[in-house]
Amino acid sequence: MKTKIKLAAILFCLALASCTNNFEELNNDPNRPKTVTPGVMLGQLQYRIV
């Protein structure tokens, strides 16, 4: 019984470690800008103030 638990724990740890390769490249939103200029933000800020 202990060997099954140890084996399951090792497999679980290996599965967690293998899922982090290139995560940042896969988790990109193509519709979201990486940088925002102040001119773009100014209109939204003025709208929220009013």
PDB file of N, CA and C in Angstrom:
ATOM      1  N   MET A   1       0.819  -1.189   0.000  1.00  0.00           N
ATOM      2  CA  MET A   1       0.000   0.000   0.000  1.00  0.00           C
ATOM      3  C   MET A   1       0.870   1.262   0.000  1.00  0.00           C
ATOM      4  N   LYS A   2       1.955   1.239   0.785  1.00  0.00           N
ATOM      5  CA  LYS A   2       2.834   2.400   0.843  1.00  0.00           C
ATOM      6  C   LYS A   2       3.538   2.621  -0.486  1.00  0.00           C
ATOM      7  N   THR A   3       3.868   1.541  -1.169  1.00  0.00           N
ATOM      8  CA  THR A   3       4.553   1.693  -2.456  1.00  0.00           C
ATOM      9  C   THR A   3       3.628   2.327  -3.493  1.00  0.00           C
ATOM     10  N   LYS A   4       2.344   2.013  -3.425  1.00  0.00           N
ATOM     11  CA  LYS A   4       1.389   2.612  -4.355  1.00  0.00           C
ATOM     12  C   LYS A   4       1.248   4.108  -4.095  1.00  0.00           C
ATOM     13  N   ILE A   5       1.227   4.486  -2.836  1.00  0.00           N
ATOM     14  CA  ILE A   5       1.118   5.905  -2.488  1.00  0.00           C
ATOM     15  C   ILE A   5       2.377   6.651  -2.915  1.00  0.00           C
ATOM     16  N   LYS A   6       3.540   6.050  -2.680  1.00  0.00           N
ATOM     17  CA  LYS A   6       4.796   6.683  -3.083  1.00  0.00           C
ATOM     18  C   LYS A   6       4.874   6.811  -4.599  1.00  0.00           C
ATOM     19  N   LEU A   7       4.472   5.778  -5.307  1.00  0.00           N
ATOM     20  CA  LEU A   7       4.483   5.815  -6.764  1.00  0.00           C
ATOM     21  C   LEU A   7       3.526   6.884  -7.286  1.00  0.00           C
ATOM     22  N   ALA A   8       2.351   6.967  -6.695  1.00  0.00           N
ATOM     23  CA  ALA A   8       1.383   7.985  -7.106  1.00  0.00           C
ATOM     24  C   ALA A   8       1.915   9.387  -6.825  1.00  0.00           C
ATOM     25  N   ALA A   9       2.585   9.578  -5.693  1.00  0.00           N
ATOM     26  CA  ALA A   9       3.145  10.884  -5.353  1.00  0.00           C
ATOM     27  C   ALA A   9       4.264  11.268  -6.318  1.00  0.00           C
ATOM     28  N   ILE A  10       5.104  10.326  -6.668  1.00  0.00           N
ATOM     29  CA  ILE A  10       6.193  10.594  -7.613  1.00  0.00           C
ATOM     30  C   ILE A  10       5.633  10.930  -8.993  1.00  0.00           C
ATOM     31  N   LEU A  11       4.656  10.182  -9.447  1.00  0.00           N
ATOM     32  CA  LEU A  11       4.048  10.457 -10.749  1.00  0.00           C
ATOM     33  C   LEU A  11       3.348  11.811 -10.760  1.00  0.00           C
ATOM     34  N   PHE A  12       2.714  12.153  -9.654  1.00  0.00           N
ATOM     35  CA  PHE A  12       2.049  13.446  -9.542  1.00  0.00           C
ATOM     36  C   PHE A  12       3.061  14.588  -9.610  1.00  0.00           C
ATOM     37  N   CYS A  13       4.177  14.439  -8.920  1.00  0.00           N
ATOM     38  CA  CYS A  13       5.232  15.468  -8.949  1.00  0.00           C
ATOM     39  C   CYS A  13       5.839  15.593 -10.339  1.00  0.00           C
ATOM     40  N   LEU A  14       6.038  14.492 -11.012  1.00  0.00           N
ATOM     41  CA  LEU A  14       6.568  14.532 -12.375  1.00  0.00           C
ATOM     42  C   LEU A  14       5.586  15.199 -13.335  1.00  0.00           C
ATOM     43  N   ALA A  15       4.314  14.933 -13.146  1.00  0.00           N
ATOM     44  CA  ALA A  15       3.304  15.547 -14.004  1.00  0.00           C
ATOM     45  C   ALA A  15       3.252  17.058 -13.787  1.00  0.00           C
ATOM     46  N   LEU A  16       3.386  17.500 -12.556  1.00  0.00           N
ATOM     47  CA  LEU A  16       3.389  18.937 -12.277  1.00  0.00           C
ATOM     48  C   LEU A  16       4.622  19.618 -12.855  1.00  0.00           C
ATOM     49  N   ALA A  17       5.752  18.966 -12.772  1.00  0.00           N
ATOM     50  CA  ALA A  17       6.996  19.557 -13.267  1.00  0.00           C
ATOM     51  C   ALA A  17       7.030  19.597 -14.794  1.00  0.00           C
ATOM     52  N   SER A  18       6.358  18.691 -15.451  1.00  0.00           N
ATOM     53  CA  SER A  18       6.424  18.638 -16.911  1.00  0.00           C
ATOM     54  C   SER A  18       5.491  19.645 -17.576  1.00  0.00           C
ATOM     55  N   CYS A  19       4.563  20.207 -16.856  1.00  0.00           N
ATOM     56  CA  CYS A  19       3.580  21.112 -17.454  1.00  0.00           C
ATOM     57  C   CYS A  19       4.033  22.561 -17.515  1.00  0.00           C
ATOM     58  N   THR A  20       5.225  22.885 -17.076  1.00  0.00           N
ATOM     59  CA  THR A  20       5.645  24.284 -17.028  1.00  0.00           C
ATOM     60  C   THR A  20       6.531  24.687 -18.201  1.00  0.00           C
ATOM     61  N   ASN A  21       6.771  23.836 -19.140  1.00  0.00           N
ATOM     62  CA  ASN A  21       7.638  24.153 -20.272  1.00  0.00           C
ATOM     63  C   ASN A  21       6.895  25.064 -21.247  1.00  0.00           C
ATOM     64  N   ASN A  22       7.452  26.246 -21.525  1.00  0.00           N
ATOM     65  CA  ASN A  22       6.883  27.226 -22.459  1.00  0.00           C
ATOM     66  C   ASN A  22       5.482  27.682 -22.070  1.00  0.00           C
ATOM     67  N   PHE A  23       5.205  27.737 -20.789  1.00  0.00           N
ATOM     68  CA  PHE A  23       3.878  28.150 -20.339  1.00  0.00           C
ATOM     69  C   PHE A  23       3.603  29.605 -20.695  1.00  0.00           C
ATOM     70  N   GLU A  24       4.620  30.459 -20.585  1.00  0.00           N
ATOM     71  CA  GLU A  24       4.432  31.879 -20.868  1.00  0.00           C
ATOM     72  C   GLU A  24       4.140  32.129 -22.340  1.00  0.00           C
ATOM     73  N   GLU A  25       4.708  31.322 -23.208  1.00  0.00           N
ATOM     74  CA  GLU A  25       4.447  31.487 -24.635  1.00  0.00           C
ATOM     75  C   GLU A  25       3.052  31.005 -25.003  1.00  0.00           C
ATOM     76  N   LEU A  26       2.567  29.990 -24.342  1.00  0.00           N
ATOM     77  CA  LEU A  26       1.249  29.449 -24.654  1.00  0.00           C
ATOM     78  C   LEU A  26       0.131  30.276 -24.038  1.00  0.00           C
ATOM     79  N   ASN A  27       0.433  30.972 -22.957  1.00  0.00           N
ATOM     80  CA  ASN A  27      -0.593  31.702 -22.227  1.00  0.00           C
ATOM     81  C   ASN A  27      -0.588  33.182 -22.608  1.00  0.00           C
ATOM     82  N   ASN A  28      -0.598  33.478 -23.893  1.00  0.00           N
ATOM     83  CA  ASN A  28      -0.636  34.852 -24.383  1.00  0.00           C
ATOM     84  C   ASN A  28      -1.993  35.135 -24.993  1.00  0.00           C
ATOM     85  N   ASP A  29      -2.518  36.311 -24.685  1.00  0.00           N
ATOM     86  CA  ASP A  29      -3.773  36.760 -25.268  1.00  0.00           C
ATOM     87  C   ASP A  29      -3.441  37.611 -26.492  1.00  0.00           C
ATOM     88  N   PRO A  30      -3.767  37.165 -27.697  1.00  0.00           N
ATOM     89  CA  PRO A  30      -3.393  37.932 -28.891  1.00  0.00           C
ATOM     90  C   PRO A  30      -4.150  39.252 -29.008  1.00  0.00           C
ATOM     91  N   ASN A  31      -5.261  39.406 -28.315  1.00  0.00           N
ATOM     92  CA  ASN A  31      -6.047  40.633 -28.396  1.00  0.00           C
ATOM     93  C   ASN A  31      -5.650  41.669 -27.348  1.00  0.00           C
ATOM     94  N   ARG A  32      -4.768  41.320 -26.444  1.00  0.00           N
ATOM     95  CA  ARG A  32      -4.358  42.225 -25.375  1.00  0.00           C
ATOM     96  C   ARG A  32      -2.994  42.826 -25.717  1.00  0.00           C
ATOM     97  N   PRO A  33      -2.878  44.149 -25.667  1.00  0.00           N
ATOM     98  CA  PRO A  33      -1.583  44.765 -25.991  1.00  0.00           C
ATOM     99  C   PRO A  33      -0.563  44.533 -24.882  1.00  0.00           C
ATOM    100  N   LYS A  34       0.701  44.430 -25.278  1.00  0.00           N
ATOM    101  CA  LYS A  34       1.760  44.234 -24.290  1.00  0.00           C
ATOM    102  C   LYS A  34       2.137  45.542 -23.625  1.00  0.00           C
ATOM    103  N   THR A  35       2.102  46.635 -24.376  1.00  0.00           N
ATOM    104  CA  THR A  35       2.385  47.956 -23.819  1.00  0.00           C
ATOM    105  C   THR A  35       1.251  48.895 -24.197  1.00  0.00           C
ATOM    106  N   VAL A  36       0.947  49.815 -23.308  1.00  0.00           N
ATOM    107  CA  VAL A  36      -0.129  50.770 -23.540  1.00  0.00           C
ATOM    108  C   VAL A  36       0.453  52.171 -23.425  1.00  0.00           C
ATOM    109  N   THR A  37       0.168  52.998 -24.409  1.00  0.00           N
ATOM    110  CA  THR A  37       0.653  54.378 -24.370  1.00  0.00           C
ATOM    111  C   THR A  37      -0.278  55.218 -23.494  1.00  0.00           C
ATOM    112  N   PRO A  38       0.219  56.305 -22.925  1.00  0.00           N
ATOM    113  CA  PRO A  38      -0.629  57.156 -22.074  1.00  0.00           C
ATOM    114  C   PRO A  38      -1.823  57.748 -22.820  1.00  0.00           C
ATOM    115  N   GLY A  39      -1.683  57.999 -24.117  1.00  0.00           N
ATOM    116  CA  GLY A  39      -2.794  58.550 -24.886  1.00  0.00           C
ATOM    117  C   GLY A  39      -3.982  57.611 -24.955  1.00  0.00           C
ATOM    118  N   VAL A  40      -3.722  56.342 -24.987  1.00  0.00           N
ATOM    119  CA  VAL A  40      -4.802  55.353 -25.032  1.00  0.00           C
ATOM    120  C   VAL A  40      -5.516  55.294 -23.684  1.00  0.00           C
ATOM    121  N   MET A  41      -4.761  55.383 -22.608  1.00  0.00           N
ATOM    122  CA  MET A  41      -5.339  55.302 -21.268  1.00  0.00           C
ATOM    123  C   MET A  41      -6.080  56.579 -20.882  1.00  0.00           C
ATOM    124  N   LEU A  42      -5.697  57.724 -21.441  1.00  0.00           N
ATOM    125  CA  LEU A  42      -6.287  58.997 -21.056  1.00  0.00           C
ATOM    126  C   LEU A  42      -7.779  59.041 -21.359  1.00  0.00           C
ATOM    127  N   GLY A  43      -8.188  58.555 -22.511  1.00  0.00           N
ATOM    128  CA  GLY A  43      -9.609  58.550 -22.858  1.00  0.00           C
ATOM    129  C   GLY A  43     -10.431  57.714 -21.894  1.00  0.00           C
ATOM    130  N   GLN A  44      -9.925  56.560 -21.524  1.00  0.00           N
ATOM    131  CA  GLN A  44     -10.633  55.686 -20.593  1.00  0.00           C
ATOM    132  C   GLN A  44     -10.712  56.312 -19.199  1.00  0.00           C
ATOM    133  N   LEU A  45      -9.655  56.977 -18.774  1.00  0.00           N
ATOM    134  CA  LEU A  45      -9.664  57.634 -17.465  1.00  0.00           C
ATOM    135  C   LEU A  45     -10.649  58.792 -17.430  1.00  0.00           C
ATOM    136  N   GLN A  46     -10.697  59.566 -18.491  1.00  0.00           N
ATOM    137  CA  GLN A  46     -11.647  60.673 -18.543  1.00  0.00           C
ATOM    138  C   GLN A  46     -13.077  60.156 -18.540  1.00  0.00           C
ATOM    139  N   TYR A  47     -13.333  59.076 -19.206  1.00  0.00           N
ATOM    140  CA  TYR A  47     -14.671  58.492 -19.237  1.00  0.00           C
ATOM    141  C   TYR A  47     -15.096  58.027 -17.847  1.00  0.00           C
ATOM    142  N   ARG A  48     -14.188  57.427 -17.101  1.00  0.00           N
ATOM    143  CA  ARG A  48     -14.515  56.934 -15.766  1.00  0.00           C
ATOM    144  C   ARG A  48     -14.699  58.065 -14.762  1.00  0.00           C
ATOM    145  N   ILE A  49     -13.974  59.160 -14.934  1.00  0.00           N
ATOM    146  CA  ILE A  49     -14.113  60.294 -14.015  1.00  0.00           C
ATOM    147  C   ILE A  49     -15.474  60.953 -14.183  1.00  0.00           C
ATOM    148  N   VAL A  50     -15.933  61.075 -15.417  1.00  0.00           N
ATOM    149  CA  VAL A  50     -17.213  61.729 -15.693  1.00  0.00           C
ATOM    150  C   VAL A  50     -18.289  60.748 -15.379  1.00  0.00           C
TER     151      VAL A  50
END
